Amino acid sequence: MKHRLLRVNELLKRELSGIIAREMTFETGLVSINQVDVTSDLKSAHVFVSVLGASGPGVISGARVIEIMQEIAPLPPRENEA
């Protein structure tokens, strides 16, 4: 993988982790960004999120983490979706 993509992956991972730490609160469990893979054209990325904790009420799911992140920092629509 090219050095630039590795740097972009790490930067996005750090920034997303910071957003989670600043903007979200969790009563139980731990949410972390494990890996970010940006496409070579830098138009999109796959973000791998882990949610660890006990099951039951009050525990957040990975899907809910993504919903919350989209509320905090909404992304503009893609060219083919606009």
PDB file of N, CA and C in Angstrom:
ATOM      1  N   MET A   1       0.848  -1.182   0.000  1.00  0.00           N
ATOM      2  CA  MET A   1       0.000   0.000   0.000  1.00  0.00           C
ATOM      3  C   MET A   1       0.890   1.240   0.000  1.00  0.00           C
ATOM      4  N   LYS A   2       0.446   2.246  -0.685  1.00  0.00           N
ATOM      5  CA  LYS A   2       1.239   3.463  -0.784  1.00  0.00           C
ATOM      6  C   LYS A   2       1.316   4.172   0.564  1.00  0.00           C
ATOM      7  N   HIS A   3       2.419   4.856   0.758  1.00  0.00           N
ATOM      8  CA  HIS A   3       2.662   5.554   2.019  1.00  0.00           C
ATOM      9  C   HIS A   3       1.577   6.601   2.301  1.00  0.00           C
ATOM     10  N   ARG A   4       1.130   7.308   1.275  1.00  0.00           N
ATOM     11  CA  ARG A   4       0.101   8.341   1.457  1.00  0.00           C
ATOM     12  C   ARG A   4      -1.201   7.734   1.982  1.00  0.00           C
ATOM     13  N   LEU A   5      -1.622   6.611   1.418  1.00  0.00           N
ATOM     14  CA  LEU A   5      -2.851   5.966   1.879  1.00  0.00           C
ATOM     15  C   LEU A   5      -2.727   5.496   3.323  1.00  0.00           C
ATOM     16  N   LEU A   6      -1.573   4.993   3.687  1.00  0.00           N
ATOM     17  CA  LEU A   6      -1.358   4.584   5.078  1.00  0.00           C
ATOM     18  C   LEU A   6      -1.504   5.766   6.024  1.00  0.00           C
ATOM     19  N   ARG A   7      -0.946   6.908   5.638  1.00  0.00           N
ATOM     20  CA  ARG A   7      -1.056   8.110   6.472  1.00  0.00           C
ATOM     21  C   ARG A   7      -2.498   8.586   6.569  1.00  0.00           C
ATOM     22  N   VAL A   8      -3.223   8.560   5.457  1.00  0.00           N
ATOM     23  CA  VAL A   8      -4.630   8.975   5.461  1.00  0.00           C
ATOM     24  C   VAL A   8      -5.452   8.021   6.326  1.00  0.00           C
ATOM     25  N   ASN A   9      -5.207   6.722   6.203  1.00  0.00           N
ATOM     26  CA  ASN A   9      -5.907   5.741   7.039  1.00  0.00           C
ATOM     27  C   ASN A   9      -5.698   6.034   8.522  1.00  0.00           C
ATOM     28  N   GLU A  10      -4.460   6.254   8.918  1.00  0.00           N
ATOM     29  CA  GLU A  10      -4.159   6.522  10.327  1.00  0.00           C
ATOM     30  C   GLU A  10      -4.756   7.847  10.795  1.00  0.00           C
ATOM     31  N   LEU A  11      -4.718   8.860   9.946  1.00  0.00           N
ATOM     32  CA  LEU A  11      -5.301  10.153  10.305  1.00  0.00           C
ATOM     33  C   LEU A  11      -6.803  10.028  10.529  1.00  0.00           C
ATOM     34  N   LEU A  12      -7.498   9.359   9.625  1.00  0.00           N
ATOM     35  CA  LEU A  12      -8.939   9.169   9.791  1.00  0.00           C
ATOM     36  C   LEU A  12      -9.251   8.357  11.044  1.00  0.00           C
ATOM     37  N   LYS A  13      -8.470   7.336  11.293  1.00  0.00           N
ATOM     38  CA  LYS A  13      -8.675   6.517  12.490  1.00  0.00           C
ATOM     39  C   LYS A  13      -8.539   7.358  13.753  1.00  0.00           C
ATOM     40  N   ARG A  14      -7.500   8.196  13.805  1.00  0.00           N
ATOM     41  CA  ARG A  14      -7.277   9.075  14.959  1.00  0.00           C
ATOM     42  C   ARG A  14      -8.413  10.078  15.122  1.00  0.00           C
ATOM     43  N   GLU A  15      -8.822  10.704  14.020  1.00  0.00           N
ATOM     44  CA  GLU A  15      -9.874  11.720  14.086  1.00  0.00           C
ATOM     45  C   GLU A  15     -11.218  11.118  14.487  1.00  0.00           C
ATOM     46  N   LEU A  16     -11.568   9.985  13.915  1.00  0.00           N
ATOM     47  CA  LEU A  16     -12.830   9.339  14.279  1.00  0.00           C
ATOM     48  C   LEU A  16     -12.816   8.887  15.733  1.00  0.00           C
ATOM     49  N   SER A  17     -11.692   8.388  16.203  1.00  0.00           N
ATOM     50  CA  SER A  17     -11.571   8.007  17.613  1.00  0.00           C
ATOM     51  C   SER A  17     -11.753   9.220  18.514  1.00  0.00           C
ATOM     52  N   GLY A  18     -11.192  10.357  18.102  1.00  0.00           N
ATOM     53  CA  GLY A  18     -11.354  11.592  18.869  1.00  0.00           C
ATOM     54  C   GLY A  18     -12.796  12.051  18.920  1.00  0.00           C
ATOM     55  N   ILE A  19     -13.504  11.942  17.799  1.00  0.00           N
ATOM     56  CA  ILE A  19     -14.924  12.318  17.762  1.00  0.00           C
ATOM     57  C   ILE A  19     -15.719  11.440  18.713  1.00  0.00           C
ATOM     58  N   ILE A  20     -15.454  10.146  18.693  1.00  0.00           N
ATOM     59  CA  ILE A  20     -16.158   9.233  19.598  1.00  0.00           C
ATOM     60  C   ILE A  20     -15.878   9.609  21.048  1.00  0.00           C
ATOM     61  N   ALA A  21     -14.634   9.883  21.376  1.00  0.00           N
ATOM     62  CA  ALA A  21     -14.269  10.217  22.759  1.00  0.00           C
ATOM     63  C   ALA A  21     -14.908  11.529  23.215  1.00  0.00           C
ATOM     64  N   ARG A  22     -14.960  12.535  22.327  1.00  0.00           N
ATOM     65  CA  ARG A  22     -15.498  13.844  22.704  1.00  0.00           C
ATOM     66  C   ARG A  22     -17.018  13.910  22.695  1.00  0.00           C
ATOM     67  N   GLU A  23     -17.635  13.295  21.713  1.00  0.00           N
ATOM     68  CA  GLU A  23     -19.050  13.530  21.453  1.00  0.00           C
ATOM     69  C   GLU A  23     -19.991  12.454  21.977  1.00  0.00           C
ATOM     70  N   MET A  24     -19.490  11.296  22.326  1.00  0.00           N
ATOM     71  CA  MET A  24     -20.353  10.199  22.750  1.00  0.00           C
ATOM     72  C   MET A  24     -20.045   9.798  24.178  1.00  0.00           C
ATOM     73  N   THR A  25     -21.094   9.417  24.882  1.00  0.00           N
ATOM     74  CA  THR A  25     -20.913   8.880  26.229  1.00  0.00           C
ATOM     75  C   THR A  25     -21.568   7.506  26.278  1.00  0.00           C
ATOM     76  N   PHE A  26     -20.933   6.596  26.964  1.00  0.00           N
ATOM     77  CA  PHE A  26     -21.419   5.231  27.052  1.00  0.00           C
ATOM     78  C   PHE A  26     -21.477   4.830  28.516  1.00  0.00           C
ATOM     79  N   GLU A  27     -22.643   4.313  28.922  1.00  0.00           N
ATOM     80  CA  GLU A  27     -22.777   3.863  30.303  1.00  0.00           C
ATOM     81  C   GLU A  27     -22.014   2.558  30.522  1.00  0.00           C
ATOM     82  N   THR A  28     -22.097   1.689  29.541  1.00  0.00           N
ATOM     83  CA  THR A  28     -21.360   0.424  29.627  1.00  0.00           C
ATOM     84  C   THR A  28     -20.701   0.170  28.287  1.00  0.00           C
ATOM     85  N   GLY A  29     -19.659  -0.575  28.292  1.00  0.00           N
ATOM     86  CA  GLY A  29     -19.022  -0.973  27.048  1.00  0.00           C
ATOM     87  C   GLY A  29     -17.918  -0.044  26.600  1.00  0.00           C
ATOM     88  N   LEU A  30     -17.298  -0.441  25.516  1.00  0.00           N
ATOM     89  CA  LEU A  30     -16.176   0.282  24.946  1.00  0.00           C
ATOM     90  C   LEU A  30     -16.338   0.280  23.436  1.00  0.00           C
ATOM     91  N   VAL A  31     -16.188   1.441  22.827  1.00  0.00           N
ATOM     92  CA  VAL A  31     -16.271   1.563  21.376  1.00  0.00           C
ATOM     93  C   VAL A  31     -14.906   1.996  20.875  1.00  0.00           C
ATOM     94  N   SER A  32     -14.410   1.317  19.847  1.00  0.00           N
ATOM     95  CA  SER A  32     -13.118   1.706  19.288  1.00  0.00           C
ATOM     96  C   SER A  32     -13.129   1.540  17.776  1.00  0.00           C
ATOM     97  N   ILE A  33     -12.300   2.349  17.130  1.00  0.00           N
ATOM     98  CA  ILE A  33     -12.081   2.244  15.696  1.00  0.00           C
ATOM     99  C   ILE A  33     -10.874   1.327  15.519  1.00  0.00           C
ATOM    100  N   ASN A  34     -11.076   0.181  14.903  1.00  0.00           N
ATOM    101  CA  ASN A  34      -9.986  -0.782  14.738  1.00  0.00           C
ATOM    102  C   ASN A  34      -9.137  -0.505  13.520  1.00  0.00           C
ATOM    103  N   GLN A  35      -9.794  -0.144  12.429  1.00  0.00           N
ATOM    104  CA  GLN A  35      -9.067  -0.004  11.172  1.00  0.00           C
ATOM    105  C   GLN A  35      -9.856   0.896  10.239  1.00  0.00           C
ATOM    106  N   VAL A  36      -9.146   1.628   9.408  1.00  0.00           N
ATOM    107  CA  VAL A  36      -9.747   2.436   8.352  1.00  0.00           C
ATOM    108  C   VAL A  36      -9.019   2.099   7.059  1.00  0.00           C
ATOM    109  N   ASP A  37      -9.795   1.796   6.033  1.00  0.00           N
ATOM    110  CA  ASP A  37      -9.228   1.508   4.715  1.00  0.00           C
ATOM    111  C   ASP A  37      -9.819   2.484   3.707  1.00  0.00           C
ATOM    112  N   VAL A  38      -9.013   3.431   3.266  1.00  0.00           N
ATOM    113  CA  VAL A  38      -9.438   4.422   2.281  1.00  0.00           C
ATOM    114  C   VAL A  38      -9.173   3.854   0.893  1.00  0.00           C
ATOM    115  N   THR A  39     -10.108   4.103  -0.027  1.00  0.00           N
ATOM    116  CA  THR A  39      -9.897   3.652  -1.403  1.00  0.00           C
ATOM    117  C   THR A  39      -8.782   4.469  -2.041  1.00  0.00           C
ATOM    118  N   SER A  40      -8.185   3.937  -3.089  1.00  0.00           N
ATOM    119  CA  SER A  40      -7.037   4.601  -3.717  1.00  0.00           C
ATOM    120  C   SER A  40      -7.396   5.957  -4.321  1.00  0.00           C
ATOM    121  N   ASP A  41      -8.677   6.170  -4.675  1.00  0.00           N
ATOM    122  CA  ASP A  41      -9.084   7.471  -5.209  1.00  0.00           C
ATOM    123  C   ASP A  41      -9.485   8.452  -4.101  1.00  0.00           C
ATOM    124  N   LEU A  42      -9.418   8.024  -2.840  1.00  0.00           N
ATOM    125  CA  LEU A  42      -9.722   8.834  -1.646  1.00  0.00           C
ATOM    126  C   LEU A  42     -11.175   9.297  -1.590  1.00  0.00           C
ATOM    127  N   LYS A  43     -12.066   8.637  -2.313  1.00  0.00           N
ATOM    128  CA  LYS A  43     -13.475   9.041  -2.329  1.00  0.00           C
ATOM    129  C   LYS A  43     -14.295   8.380  -1.234  1.00  0.00           C
ATOM    130  N   SER A  44     -13.845   7.251  -0.730  1.00  0.00           N
ATOM    131  CA  SER A  44     -14.600   6.576   0.318  1.00  0.00           C
ATOM    132  C   SER A  44     -13.651   5.765   1.194  1.00  0.00           C
ATOM    133  N   ALA A  45     -14.199   5.324   2.312  1.00  0.00           N
ATOM    134  CA  ALA A  45     -13.396   4.540   3.250  1.00  0.00           C
ATOM    135  C   ALA A  45     -14.285   3.528   3.951  1.00  0.00           C
ATOM    136  N   HIS A  46     -13.694   2.418   4.314  1.00  0.00           N
ATOM    137  CA  HIS A  46     -14.351   1.426   5.148  1.00  0.00           C
ATOM    138  C   HIS A  46     -13.792   1.622   6.556  1.00  0.00           C
ATOM    139  N   VAL A  47     -14.693   1.767   7.520  1.00  0.00           N
ATOM    140  CA  VAL A  47     -14.288   1.978   8.905  1.00  0.00           C
ATOM    141  C   VAL A  47     -14.751   0.770   9.712  1.00  0.00           C
ATOM    142  N   PHE A  48     -13.820   0.136  10.401  1.00  0.00           N
ATOM    143  CA  PHE A  48     -14.119  -1.041  11.199  1.00  0.00           C
ATOM    144  C   PHE A  48     -14.248  -0.613  12.660  1.00  0.00           C
ATOM    145  N   VAL A  49     -15.446  -0.817  13.217  1.00  0.00           N
ATOM    146  CA  VAL A  49     -15.776  -0.375  14.565  1.00  0.00           C
ATOM    147  C   VAL A  49     -16.006  -1.594  15.445  1.00  0.00           C
ATOM    148  N   SER A  50     -15.440  -1.577  16.653  1.00  0.00           N
ATOM    149  CA  SER A  50     -15.691  -2.631  17.640  1.00  0.00           C
ATOM    150  C   SER A  50     -16.486  -2.051  18.790  1.00  0.00           C
ATOM    151  N   VAL A  51     -17.472  -2.807  19.232  1.00  0.00           N
ATOM    152  CA  VAL A  51     -18.247  -2.433  20.409  1.00  0.00           C
ATOM    153  C   VAL A  51     -18.145  -3.597  21.379  1.00  0.00           C
ATOM    154  N   LEU A  52     -17.503  -3.361  22.517  1.00  0.00           N
ATOM    155  CA  LEU A  52     -17.329  -4.395  23.531  1.00  0.00           C
ATOM    156  C   LEU A  52     -18.107  -4.014  24.772  1.00  0.00           C
ATOM    157  N   GLY A  53     -18.725  -4.981  25.393  1.00  0.00           N
ATOM    158  CA  GLY A  53     -19.446  -4.714  26.627  1.00  0.00           C
ATOM    159  C   GLY A  53     -20.498  -5.771  26.860  1.00  0.00           C
ATOM    160  N   ALA A  54     -21.117  -5.680  28.004  1.00  0.00           N
ATOM    161  CA  ALA A  54     -22.163  -6.633  28.350  1.00  0.00           C
ATOM    162  C   ALA A  54     -23.401  -6.387  27.502  1.00  0.00           C
ATOM    163  N   SER A  55     -24.165  -7.439  27.284  1.00  0.00           N
ATOM    164  CA  SER A  55     -25.402  -7.284  26.523  1.00  0.00           C
ATOM    165  C   SER A  55     -26.515  -6.834  27.461  1.00  0.00           C
ATOM    166  N   GLY A  56     -27.555  -6.290  26.874  1.00  0.00           N
ATOM    167  CA  GLY A  56     -28.694  -5.859  27.664  1.00  0.00           C
ATOM    168  C   GLY A  56     -29.042  -4.416  27.390  1.00  0.00           C
ATOM    169  N   PRO A  57     -30.022  -3.902  28.130  1.00  0.00           N
ATOM    170  CA  PRO A  57     -30.442  -2.517  27.900  1.00  0.00           C
ATOM    171  C   PRO A  57     -29.332  -1.524  28.212  1.00  0.00           C
ATOM    172  N   GLY A  58     -29.251  -0.484  27.440  1.00  0.00           N
ATOM    173  CA  GLY A  58     -28.247   0.552  27.662  1.00  0.00           C
ATOM    174  C   GLY A  58     -26.943   0.306  26.935  1.00  0.00           C
ATOM    175  N   VAL A  59     -26.789  -0.867  26.314  1.00  0.00           N
ATOM    176  CA  VAL A  59     -25.566  -1.169  25.579  1.00  0.00           C
ATOM    177  C   VAL A  59     -25.767  -0.753  24.133  1.00  0.00           C
ATOM    178  N   ILE A  60     -24.825  -0.028  23.613  1.00  0.00           N
ATOM    179  CA  ILE A  60     -24.936   0.520  22.263  1.00  0.00           C
ATOM    180  C   ILE A  60     -24.426  -0.487  21.235  1.00  0.00           C
ATOM    181  N   SER A  61     -25.058  -0.512  20.077  1.00  0.00           N
ATOM    182  CA  SER A  61     -24.626  -1.419  19.007  1.00  0.00           C
ATOM    183  C   SER A  61     -23.728  -0.674  18.031  1.00  0.00           C
ATOM    184  N   GLY A  62     -23.002  -1.419  17.220  1.00  0.00           N
ATOM    185  CA  GLY A  62     -22.149  -0.813  16.205  1.00  0.00           C
ATOM    186  C   GLY A  62     -22.948   0.028  15.230  1.00  0.00           C
ATOM    187  N   ALA A  63     -24.146  -0.433  14.863  1.00  0.00           N
ATOM    188  CA  ALA A  63     -24.996   0.328  13.939  1.00  0.00           C
ATOM    189  C   ALA A  63     -25.393   1.663  14.560  1.00  0.00           C
ATOM    190  N   ARG A  64     -25.683   1.667  15.850  1.00  0.00           N
ATOM    191  CA  ARG A  64     -26.071   2.918  16.521  1.00  0.00           C
ATOM    192  C   ARG A  64     -24.887   3.876  16.587  1.00  0.00           C
ATOM    193  N   VAL A  65     -23.682   3.371  16.775  1.00  0.00           N
ATOM    194  CA  VAL A  65     -22.489   4.225  16.773  1.00  0.00           C
ATOM    195  C   VAL A  65     -22.390   4.955  15.442  1.00  0.00           C
ATOM    196  N   ILE A  66     -22.610   4.233  14.352  1.00  0.00           N
ATOM    197  CA  ILE A  66     -22.525   4.851  13.030  1.00  0.00           C
ATOM    198  C   ILE A  66     -23.623   5.888  12.845  1.00  0.00           C
ATOM    199  N   GLU A  67     -24.844   5.605  13.311  1.00  0.00           N
ATOM    200  CA  GLU A  67     -25.932   6.592  13.230  1.00  0.00           C
ATOM    201  C   GLU A  67     -25.565   7.865  13.986  1.00  0.00           C
ATOM    202  N   ILE A  68     -25.030   7.706  15.180  1.00  0.00           N
ATOM    203  CA  ILE A  68     -24.659   8.868  15.995  1.00  0.00           C
ATOM    204  C   ILE A  68     -23.561   9.667  15.307  1.00  0.00           C
ATOM    205  N   MET A  69     -22.572   8.987  14.737  1.00  0.00           N
ATOM    206  CA  MET A  69     -21.489   9.697  14.057  1.00  0.00           C
ATOM    207  C   MET A  69     -22.009  10.469  12.851  1.00  0.00           C
ATOM    208  N   GLN A  70     -22.989   9.924  12.143  1.00  0.00           N
ATOM    209  CA  GLN A  70     -23.562  10.633  11.005  1.00  0.00           C
ATOM    210  C   GLN A  70     -24.346  11.855  11.461  1.00  0.00           C
ATOM    211  N   GLU A  71     -24.967  11.794  12.644  1.00  0.00           N
ATOM    212  CA  GLU A  71     -25.664  12.959  13.194  1.00  0.00           C
ATOM    213  C   GLU A  71     -24.668  14.042  13.596  1.00  0.00           C
ATOM    214  N   ILE A  72     -23.542  13.639  14.170  1.00  0.00           N
ATOM    215  CA  ILE A  72     -22.534  14.591  14.635  1.00  0.00           C
ATOM    216  C   ILE A  72     -21.848  15.274  13.465  1.00  0.00           C
ATOM    217  N   ALA A  73     -21.431  14.505  12.500  1.00  0.00           N
ATOM    218  CA  ALA A  73     -20.684  15.039  11.352  1.00  0.00           C
ATOM    219  C   ALA A  73     -21.273  14.458  10.073  1.00  0.00           C
ATOM    220  N   PRO A  74     -22.410  15.005   9.610  1.00  0.00           N
ATOM    221  CA  PRO A  74     -23.043  14.445   8.409  1.00  0.00           C
ATOM    222  C   PRO A  74     -22.148  14.590   7.188  1.00  0.00           C
ATOM    223  N   LEU A  75     -22.209  13.592   6.351  1.00  0.00           N
ATOM    224  CA  LEU A  75     -21.426  13.596   5.125  1.00  0.00           C
ATOM    225  C   LEU A  75     -22.278  14.127   3.983  1.00  0.00           C
ATOM    226  N   PRO A  76     -21.668  14.855   3.053  1.00  0.00           N
ATOM    227  CA  PRO A  76     -22.434  15.307   1.888  1.00  0.00           C
ATOM    228  C   PRO A  76     -22.817  14.104   1.032  1.00  0.00           C
ATOM    229  N   PRO A  77     -23.938  14.186   0.302  1.00  0.00           N
ATOM    230  CA  PRO A  77     -24.323  13.054  -0.544  1.00  0.00           C
ATOM    231  C   PRO A  77     -23.302  12.818  -1.642  1.00  0.00           C
ATOM    232  N   ARG A  78     -23.166  11.576  -2.048  1.00  0.00           N
ATOM    233  CA  ARG A  78     -22.267  11.243  -3.151  1.00  0.00           C
ATOM    234  C   ARG A  78     -22.833  11.812  -4.434  1.00  0.00           C
ATOM    235  N   GLU A  79     -21.971  11.970  -5.425  1.00  0.00           N
ATOM    236  CA  GLU A  79     -22.381  12.558  -6.700  1.00  0.00           C
ATOM    237  C   GLU A  79     -23.526  11.789  -7.337  1.00  0.00           C
ATOM    238  N   ASN A  80     -23.505  10.467  -7.277  1.00  0.00           N
ATOM    239  CA  ASN A  80     -24.550   9.671  -7.909  1.00  0.00           C
ATOM    240  C   ASN A  80     -25.824   9.590  -7.079  1.00  0.00           C
ATOM    241  N   GLU A  81     -25.818  10.079  -5.822  1.00  0.00           N
ATOM    242  CA  GLU A  81     -26.997  10.079  -4.966  1.00  0.00           C
ATOM    243  C   GLU A  81     -27.693  11.424  -4.947  1.00  0.00           C
ATOM    244  N   ALA A  82     -27.033  12.474  -5.418  1.00  0.00           N
ATOM    245  CA  ALA A  82     -27.606  13.827  -5.357  1.00  0.00           C
ATOM    246  C   ALA A  82     -28.627  14.050  -6.444  1.00  0.00           C
TER     247      ALA A  82
END
